[in-house]
N, C-alpha and C. Protein backbone atom coordinates (compact mmCIF):
# COMPACT_ATOMS: atom_id res chain seq x y z
N MET A 1 12.83 17.67 6.26
CA MET A 1 12.05 17.51 7.46
C MET A 1 12.64 18.41 8.54
N ALA A 2 11.77 19.00 9.30
CA ALA A 2 12.20 19.90 10.37
C ALA A 2 12.10 19.19 11.71
N SER A 3 13.04 19.47 12.59
CA SER A 3 13.05 18.80 13.89
C SER A 3 12.11 19.45 14.90
N ASP A 4 11.77 20.72 14.70
CA ASP A 4 10.82 21.39 15.59
C ASP A 4 10.17 22.56 14.85
N ILE A 5 9.27 23.28 15.52
CA ILE A 5 8.53 24.37 14.90
C ILE A 5 9.46 25.48 14.42
N GLU A 6 10.47 25.78 15.21
CA GLU A 6 11.40 26.84 14.82
C GLU A 6 12.16 26.47 13.53
N ASP A 7 12.56 25.20 13.42
CA ASP A 7 13.23 24.74 12.19
C ASP A 7 12.29 24.82 11.00
N LEU A 8 11.04 24.47 11.21
CA LEU A 8 10.05 24.54 10.14
C LEU A 8 9.85 25.99 9.70
N GLU A 9 9.74 26.89 10.65
CA GLU A 9 9.59 28.31 10.32
C GLU A 9 10.79 28.81 9.53
N ASP A 10 11.99 28.45 9.97
CA ASP A 10 13.21 28.87 9.27
C ASP A 10 13.23 28.30 7.84
N LEU A 11 12.86 27.06 7.70
CA LEU A 11 12.84 26.44 6.38
C LEU A 11 11.88 27.17 5.45
N ILE A 12 10.68 27.46 5.94
CA ILE A 12 9.67 28.11 5.10
C ILE A 12 10.03 29.57 4.82
N VAL A 13 10.32 30.33 5.86
CA VAL A 13 10.52 31.78 5.72
C VAL A 13 11.86 32.11 5.06
N ASN A 14 12.92 31.48 5.49
CA ASN A 14 14.24 31.89 5.03
C ASN A 14 14.79 31.09 3.85
N LYS A 15 14.20 29.94 3.56
CA LYS A 15 14.76 29.13 2.47
C LYS A 15 13.75 28.93 1.34
N LEU A 16 12.65 28.24 1.63
CA LEU A 16 11.71 27.90 0.56
C LEU A 16 11.06 29.13 -0.07
N SER A 17 10.62 30.09 0.76
CA SER A 17 9.93 31.26 0.21
C SER A 17 10.86 32.17 -0.60
N ARG A 18 12.15 32.01 -0.47
CA ARG A 18 13.11 32.85 -1.22
C ARG A 18 13.52 32.24 -2.55
N ILE A 19 13.04 31.04 -2.84
CA ILE A 19 13.36 30.41 -4.12
C ILE A 19 12.49 31.06 -5.19
N SER A 20 13.13 31.49 -6.31
CA SER A 20 12.35 32.12 -7.38
C SER A 20 11.39 31.10 -7.96
N GLY A 21 10.18 31.55 -8.21
CA GLY A 21 9.15 30.66 -8.74
C GLY A 21 8.24 30.09 -7.67
N VAL A 22 8.61 30.20 -6.39
CA VAL A 22 7.76 29.73 -5.30
C VAL A 22 6.80 30.86 -4.95
N PHE A 23 5.48 30.60 -5.17
CA PHE A 23 4.48 31.63 -4.94
C PHE A 23 3.67 31.39 -3.69
N SER A 24 3.53 30.15 -3.28
CA SER A 24 2.82 29.86 -2.04
C SER A 24 3.35 28.55 -1.46
N ILE A 25 3.21 28.42 -0.16
CA ILE A 25 3.70 27.25 0.56
C ILE A 25 2.61 26.80 1.52
N LYS A 26 2.31 25.51 1.49
CA LYS A 26 1.39 24.91 2.46
C LYS A 26 2.16 23.89 3.25
N SER A 27 1.90 23.81 4.54
CA SER A 27 2.54 22.78 5.36
C SER A 27 1.53 22.22 6.35
N ASN A 28 1.72 20.97 6.69
CA ASN A 28 0.88 20.29 7.68
C ASN A 28 1.81 19.65 8.70
N LEU A 29 1.37 19.62 9.93
CA LEU A 29 2.15 18.94 10.94
C LEU A 29 1.23 18.27 11.95
N ALA A 30 1.71 17.19 12.51
CA ALA A 30 0.94 16.46 13.52
C ALA A 30 1.20 17.08 14.88
N LEU A 31 0.13 17.30 15.62
CA LEU A 31 0.27 17.87 16.96
C LEU A 31 0.58 16.79 17.99
N LYS A 32 0.05 15.58 17.75
CA LYS A 32 0.36 14.47 18.64
C LYS A 32 0.14 13.16 17.90
N LYS A 33 0.74 12.12 18.42
CA LYS A 33 0.57 10.79 17.86
C LYS A 33 -0.74 10.21 18.38
N ILE A 34 -1.60 9.75 17.46
CA ILE A 34 -2.87 9.17 17.86
C ILE A 34 -2.71 7.69 18.15
N SER A 35 -2.03 6.98 17.27
CA SER A 35 -1.81 5.55 17.50
C SER A 35 -0.51 5.13 16.83
N TYR A 36 0.05 4.05 17.31
CA TYR A 36 1.28 3.51 16.76
C TYR A 36 1.10 2.01 16.62
N LYS A 37 1.09 1.54 15.37
CA LYS A 37 0.90 0.12 15.12
C LYS A 37 1.97 -0.36 14.15
N THR A 38 2.49 -1.54 14.42
CA THR A 38 3.46 -2.12 13.50
C THR A 38 2.91 -3.35 12.80
N VAL A 39 1.66 -3.71 13.10
CA VAL A 39 1.03 -4.90 12.52
C VAL A 39 -0.02 -4.46 11.51
N LEU A 40 -0.04 -5.11 10.35
CA LEU A 40 -1.06 -4.81 9.36
C LEU A 40 -2.36 -5.48 9.75
N PRO A 41 -3.50 -4.82 9.49
CA PRO A 41 -4.80 -5.41 9.85
C PRO A 41 -5.21 -6.47 8.84
N ILE A 42 -4.66 -7.67 8.96
CA ILE A 42 -4.94 -8.77 8.04
C ILE A 42 -5.93 -9.71 8.68
N ASP A 43 -6.98 -10.05 7.92
CA ASP A 43 -8.00 -10.98 8.40
C ASP A 43 -7.46 -12.40 8.30
N THR A 44 -7.11 -13.00 9.42
CA THR A 44 -6.53 -14.34 9.42
C THR A 44 -7.60 -15.42 9.43
N THR A 45 -8.89 -15.03 9.48
CA THR A 45 -9.96 -16.03 9.46
C THR A 45 -10.30 -16.45 8.04
N ARG A 46 -9.90 -15.66 7.02
CA ARG A 46 -10.16 -16.00 5.62
C ARG A 46 -9.05 -16.88 5.09
N PRO A 47 -9.38 -17.91 4.30
CA PRO A 47 -8.32 -18.73 3.69
C PRO A 47 -7.57 -17.91 2.65
N SER A 48 -6.27 -18.11 2.58
CA SER A 48 -5.47 -17.38 1.61
C SER A 48 -5.35 -18.19 0.33
N ARG A 49 -4.81 -17.58 -0.73
CA ARG A 49 -4.60 -18.28 -1.99
C ARG A 49 -3.63 -19.44 -1.81
N SER A 50 -2.67 -19.31 -0.90
CA SER A 50 -1.69 -20.37 -0.70
C SER A 50 -2.33 -21.63 -0.12
N ASP A 51 -3.55 -21.51 0.44
CA ASP A 51 -4.25 -22.69 0.95
C ASP A 51 -4.76 -23.57 -0.19
N ARG A 52 -4.82 -23.02 -1.42
CA ARG A 52 -5.34 -23.77 -2.55
C ARG A 52 -4.24 -24.26 -3.49
N VAL A 53 -2.99 -24.19 -3.10
CA VAL A 53 -1.88 -24.60 -3.97
C VAL A 53 -1.82 -26.11 -4.06
N ASN A 54 -1.70 -26.60 -5.28
CA ASN A 54 -1.53 -28.03 -5.53
C ASN A 54 -0.04 -28.31 -5.53
N PRO A 55 0.49 -29.03 -4.54
CA PRO A 55 1.94 -29.22 -4.43
C PRO A 55 2.53 -30.00 -5.61
N ARG A 56 1.74 -30.91 -6.23
CA ARG A 56 2.26 -31.68 -7.36
C ARG A 56 2.41 -30.83 -8.61
N ARG A 57 1.45 -29.97 -8.86
CA ARG A 57 1.46 -29.18 -10.09
C ARG A 57 2.02 -27.78 -9.87
N GLY A 58 2.11 -27.34 -8.63
CA GLY A 58 2.62 -26.01 -8.35
C GLY A 58 1.67 -24.91 -8.78
N MET A 59 0.39 -25.24 -8.92
CA MET A 59 -0.59 -24.26 -9.36
C MET A 59 -1.63 -24.06 -8.27
N VAL A 60 -2.35 -22.99 -8.39
CA VAL A 60 -3.44 -22.72 -7.45
C VAL A 60 -4.65 -23.50 -7.91
N ALA A 61 -5.22 -24.25 -7.00
CA ALA A 61 -6.42 -25.02 -7.31
C ALA A 61 -7.59 -24.06 -7.47
N PRO A 62 -8.54 -24.37 -8.37
CA PRO A 62 -9.68 -23.47 -8.54
C PRO A 62 -10.56 -23.47 -7.30
N ARG A 63 -11.21 -22.34 -7.08
CA ARG A 63 -12.15 -22.26 -5.97
C ARG A 63 -13.34 -23.15 -6.24
N GLN A 64 -13.98 -23.57 -5.19
CA GLN A 64 -15.16 -24.42 -5.34
C GLN A 64 -16.22 -23.66 -6.12
N GLY A 65 -16.77 -24.30 -7.15
CA GLY A 65 -17.82 -23.69 -7.95
C GLY A 65 -17.30 -22.81 -9.07
N ALA A 66 -15.97 -22.67 -9.20
CA ALA A 66 -15.41 -21.84 -10.26
C ALA A 66 -15.49 -22.57 -11.59
N LYS A 67 -15.79 -21.83 -12.67
CA LYS A 67 -15.87 -22.42 -14.00
C LYS A 67 -14.46 -22.57 -14.57
N PRO A 68 -14.19 -23.68 -15.31
CA PRO A 68 -12.87 -23.85 -15.91
C PRO A 68 -12.62 -22.80 -16.98
N LEU A 69 -11.36 -22.39 -17.12
CA LEU A 69 -10.98 -21.41 -18.13
C LEU A 69 -10.82 -22.10 -19.48
N PRO A 70 -11.20 -21.43 -20.59
CA PRO A 70 -10.99 -22.02 -21.90
C PRO A 70 -9.51 -21.98 -22.27
N SER A 71 -9.04 -23.02 -22.95
CA SER A 71 -7.66 -23.06 -23.41
C SER A 71 -7.56 -22.27 -24.71
N PRO A 72 -6.34 -21.97 -25.18
CA PRO A 72 -6.19 -21.24 -26.44
C PRO A 72 -6.81 -21.99 -27.63
N GLN A 73 -6.88 -23.32 -27.56
CA GLN A 73 -7.47 -24.10 -28.65
C GLN A 73 -8.99 -24.20 -28.52
N GLY A 74 -9.59 -23.60 -27.53
CA GLY A 74 -11.02 -23.65 -27.34
C GLY A 74 -11.51 -24.78 -26.47
N GLN A 75 -10.59 -25.61 -25.96
CA GLN A 75 -10.99 -26.71 -25.07
C GLN A 75 -10.89 -26.23 -23.64
N SER A 76 -11.77 -26.74 -22.80
CA SER A 76 -11.75 -26.33 -21.39
C SER A 76 -10.57 -26.97 -20.68
N ILE A 77 -9.96 -26.21 -19.80
CA ILE A 77 -8.87 -26.70 -18.96
C ILE A 77 -9.49 -27.04 -17.62
N ALA A 78 -9.43 -28.29 -17.24
CA ALA A 78 -10.05 -28.71 -15.98
C ALA A 78 -9.05 -28.69 -14.86
């Protein structure tokens, strides 16, 4: 990483471009910061999976209207 434009130029012209096998170099840089956020955009109005945990069994309760999964023996698990 370069600290300024001059460092970037030095890195590209004097170091990277002189490595054998390097035929072209592309670089991108940000001209200014558009936004700075430290919070993820999480929708807190939707219920999470942890809202359906059955504390006695330690399992996630099925969603309303969900069909039971078949067991390995072919019987439904309710």
